[in-house]
């Protein structure tokens, strides 16, 4: 959404986190992201889970 590369992520039962390749998120971006995510949640957008092995070329996409 803002061009940051995701360097790692963790999806937990109670808490999830995403690590980005930036020292700080620009002002207003966190709020804009929260609004966009909540819109998707309210729209019941389907989620597809893909399990990949670490050497799968799709991992880099």
N, C-alpha and C. Protein backbone atom coordinates (compact mmCIF):
# COMPACT_ATOMS: atom_id res chain seq x y z
N UNK A 1 0.82 -1.20 0.00
CA UNK A 1 0.00 0.00 0.00
C UNK A 1 0.87 1.26 0.00
N UNK A 2 1.97 1.22 0.75
CA UNK A 2 2.84 2.39 0.82
C UNK A 2 4.23 2.14 0.24
N UNK A 3 4.45 0.94 -0.29
CA UNK A 3 5.72 0.63 -0.92
C UNK A 3 6.78 0.06 -0.01
N UNK A 4 6.45 -0.19 1.26
CA UNK A 4 7.42 -0.80 2.16
C UNK A 4 7.52 -2.30 1.89
N UNK A 5 8.72 -2.83 2.00
CA UNK A 5 8.92 -4.27 1.84
C UNK A 5 8.70 -4.94 3.20
N UNK A 6 7.95 -6.05 3.20
CA UNK A 6 7.75 -6.82 4.42
C UNK A 6 8.98 -7.70 4.62
N UNK A 7 9.65 -7.55 5.78
CA UNK A 7 10.84 -8.35 6.06
C UNK A 7 10.52 -9.59 6.89
N UNK A 8 9.44 -9.53 7.68
CA UNK A 8 8.98 -10.70 8.42
C UNK A 8 7.57 -10.44 8.92
N UNK A 9 6.89 -11.52 9.31
CA UNK A 9 5.55 -11.38 9.86
C UNK A 9 5.26 -12.57 10.76
N UNK A 10 4.30 -12.39 11.66
CA UNK A 10 3.86 -13.45 12.56
C UNK A 10 2.36 -13.31 12.74
N UNK A 11 1.64 -14.39 12.50
CA UNK A 11 0.19 -14.40 12.65
C UNK A 11 -0.15 -15.28 13.83
N UNK A 12 -0.50 -14.67 14.95
CA UNK A 12 -0.79 -15.42 16.17
C UNK A 12 -2.27 -15.43 16.48
N UNK A 13 -2.62 -16.19 17.51
CA UNK A 13 -4.03 -16.27 17.92
C UNK A 13 -4.52 -14.97 18.54
N UNK A 14 -3.68 -14.34 19.33
CA UNK A 14 -4.06 -13.12 20.03
C UNK A 14 -3.46 -11.85 19.43
N UNK A 15 -2.31 -12.03 18.78
CA UNK A 15 -1.59 -10.86 18.27
C UNK A 15 -0.85 -11.22 16.99
N UNK A 16 -0.81 -10.29 16.08
CA UNK A 16 -0.06 -10.47 14.83
C UNK A 16 0.89 -9.29 14.66
N UNK A 17 1.98 -9.52 13.95
CA UNK A 17 2.93 -8.43 13.73
C UNK A 17 3.50 -8.52 12.32
N UNK A 18 3.87 -7.37 11.80
CA UNK A 18 4.51 -7.27 10.49
C UNK A 18 5.72 -6.36 10.65
N UNK A 19 6.87 -6.83 10.19
CA UNK A 19 8.09 -6.03 10.24
C UNK A 19 8.37 -5.51 8.84
N UNK A 20 8.60 -4.21 8.74
CA UNK A 20 8.82 -3.55 7.46
C UNK A 20 10.25 -3.06 7.33
N UNK A 21 10.69 -2.81 6.11
CA UNK A 21 12.06 -2.35 5.86
C UNK A 21 12.20 -0.83 6.00
N UNK A 22 11.63 -0.28 7.05
CA UNK A 22 11.72 1.15 7.30
C UNK A 22 11.91 1.38 8.80
N UNK A 23 12.62 2.43 9.14
CA UNK A 23 12.82 2.75 10.55
C UNK A 23 11.55 3.30 11.19
N UNK A 24 10.73 3.97 10.38
CA UNK A 24 9.50 4.55 10.90
C UNK A 24 8.47 4.66 9.78
N UNK A 25 7.21 4.55 10.16
CA UNK A 25 6.10 4.73 9.22
C UNK A 25 5.77 6.22 9.22
N UNK A 26 5.53 6.77 8.05
CA UNK A 26 5.23 8.20 7.93
C UNK A 26 3.93 8.56 8.63
N UNK A 27 3.82 9.80 9.11
CA UNK A 27 2.60 10.24 9.79
C UNK A 27 1.35 10.00 8.92
N UNK A 28 0.33 9.48 9.53
CA UNK A 28 -0.93 9.25 8.84
C UNK A 28 -1.04 7.90 8.16
N UNK A 29 0.08 7.25 7.88
CA UNK A 29 0.03 5.97 7.17
C UNK A 29 -0.58 4.86 8.03
N UNK A 30 -0.25 4.82 9.30
CA UNK A 30 -0.80 3.77 10.16
C UNK A 30 -2.32 3.88 10.24
N UNK A 31 -2.82 5.10 10.38
CA UNK A 31 -4.26 5.30 10.44
C UNK A 31 -4.92 4.94 9.11
N UNK A 32 -4.30 5.32 8.00
CA UNK A 32 -4.85 4.99 6.67
C UNK A 32 -4.86 3.48 6.46
N UNK A 33 -3.81 2.81 6.91
CA UNK A 33 -3.75 1.36 6.79
C UNK A 33 -4.83 0.70 7.63
N UNK A 34 -5.02 1.19 8.85
CA UNK A 34 -6.05 0.64 9.72
C UNK A 34 -7.44 0.80 9.11
N UNK A 35 -7.72 1.94 8.52
CA UNK A 35 -9.01 2.18 7.87
C UNK A 35 -9.19 1.21 6.70
N UNK A 36 -8.16 1.04 5.87
CA UNK A 36 -8.24 0.15 4.71
C UNK A 36 -8.46 -1.30 5.13
N UNK A 37 -7.72 -1.74 6.16
CA UNK A 37 -7.87 -3.12 6.64
C UNK A 37 -9.26 -3.34 7.22
N UNK A 38 -9.73 -2.40 8.01
CA UNK A 38 -11.07 -2.55 8.60
C UNK A 38 -12.16 -2.57 7.53
N UNK A 39 -11.98 -1.82 6.45
CA UNK A 39 -12.94 -1.87 5.34
C UNK A 39 -12.98 -3.27 4.74
N UNK A 40 -11.82 -3.89 4.56
CA UNK A 40 -11.76 -5.26 4.02
C UNK A 40 -12.41 -6.25 4.97
N UNK A 41 -12.17 -6.09 6.26
CA UNK A 41 -12.78 -6.99 7.25
C UNK A 41 -14.30 -6.87 7.19
N UNK A 42 -14.81 -5.65 7.17
CA UNK A 42 -16.26 -5.45 7.12
C UNK A 42 -16.86 -5.96 5.81
N UNK A 43 -16.08 -5.97 4.73
CA UNK A 43 -16.56 -6.45 3.43
C UNK A 43 -16.50 -7.97 3.32
N UNK A 44 -15.98 -8.64 4.34
CA UNK A 44 -15.89 -10.11 4.35
C UNK A 44 -15.12 -10.63 3.13
N UNK A 45 -14.00 -10.00 2.83
CA UNK A 45 -13.15 -10.41 1.71
C UNK A 45 -12.59 -11.80 2.01
N UNK A 46 -12.78 -12.78 1.12
CA UNK A 46 -12.25 -14.12 1.36
C UNK A 46 -10.72 -14.13 1.40
N UNK A 47 -10.18 -15.00 2.20
CA UNK A 47 -8.74 -15.16 2.34
C UNK A 47 -8.35 -16.55 1.86
N UNK A 48 -7.31 -16.62 1.06
CA UNK A 48 -6.78 -17.90 0.60
C UNK A 48 -5.40 -18.10 1.21
N UNK A 49 -5.19 -19.23 1.85
CA UNK A 49 -3.91 -19.55 2.47
C UNK A 49 -3.11 -20.44 1.53
N UNK A 50 -1.86 -20.07 1.29
CA UNK A 50 -0.94 -20.87 0.48
C UNK A 50 0.26 -21.23 1.33
N UNK A 51 0.54 -22.50 1.46
CA UNK A 51 1.72 -22.96 2.19
C UNK A 51 2.83 -23.24 1.18
N UNK A 52 3.97 -22.59 1.36
CA UNK A 52 5.09 -22.72 0.43
C UNK A 52 6.32 -23.23 1.17
N UNK A 53 7.14 -23.98 0.48
CA UNK A 53 8.43 -24.36 1.06
C UNK A 53 9.38 -23.18 0.87
N UNK A 54 10.41 -23.11 1.68
CA UNK A 54 11.32 -21.97 1.65
C UNK A 54 12.03 -21.80 0.31
N UNK A 55 12.20 -22.89 -0.44
CA UNK A 55 12.88 -22.80 -1.73
C UNK A 55 11.93 -22.61 -2.91
N UNK A 56 10.65 -22.42 -2.64
CA UNK A 56 9.67 -22.18 -3.70
C UNK A 56 9.90 -20.79 -4.29
N UNK A 57 10.00 -20.66 -5.61
CA UNK A 57 10.21 -19.35 -6.24
C UNK A 57 9.11 -18.33 -5.90
N UNK A 58 7.93 -18.80 -5.57
CA UNK A 58 6.83 -17.89 -5.24
C UNK A 58 7.07 -17.14 -3.94
N UNK A 59 7.99 -17.61 -3.11
CA UNK A 59 8.30 -16.94 -1.84
C UNK A 59 8.82 -15.53 -2.09
N UNK A 60 9.55 -15.33 -3.14
CA UNK A 60 10.12 -14.01 -3.45
C UNK A 60 9.12 -13.04 -4.04
N UNK A 61 7.93 -13.49 -4.42
CA UNK A 61 6.93 -12.61 -5.04
C UNK A 61 6.26 -11.76 -4.05
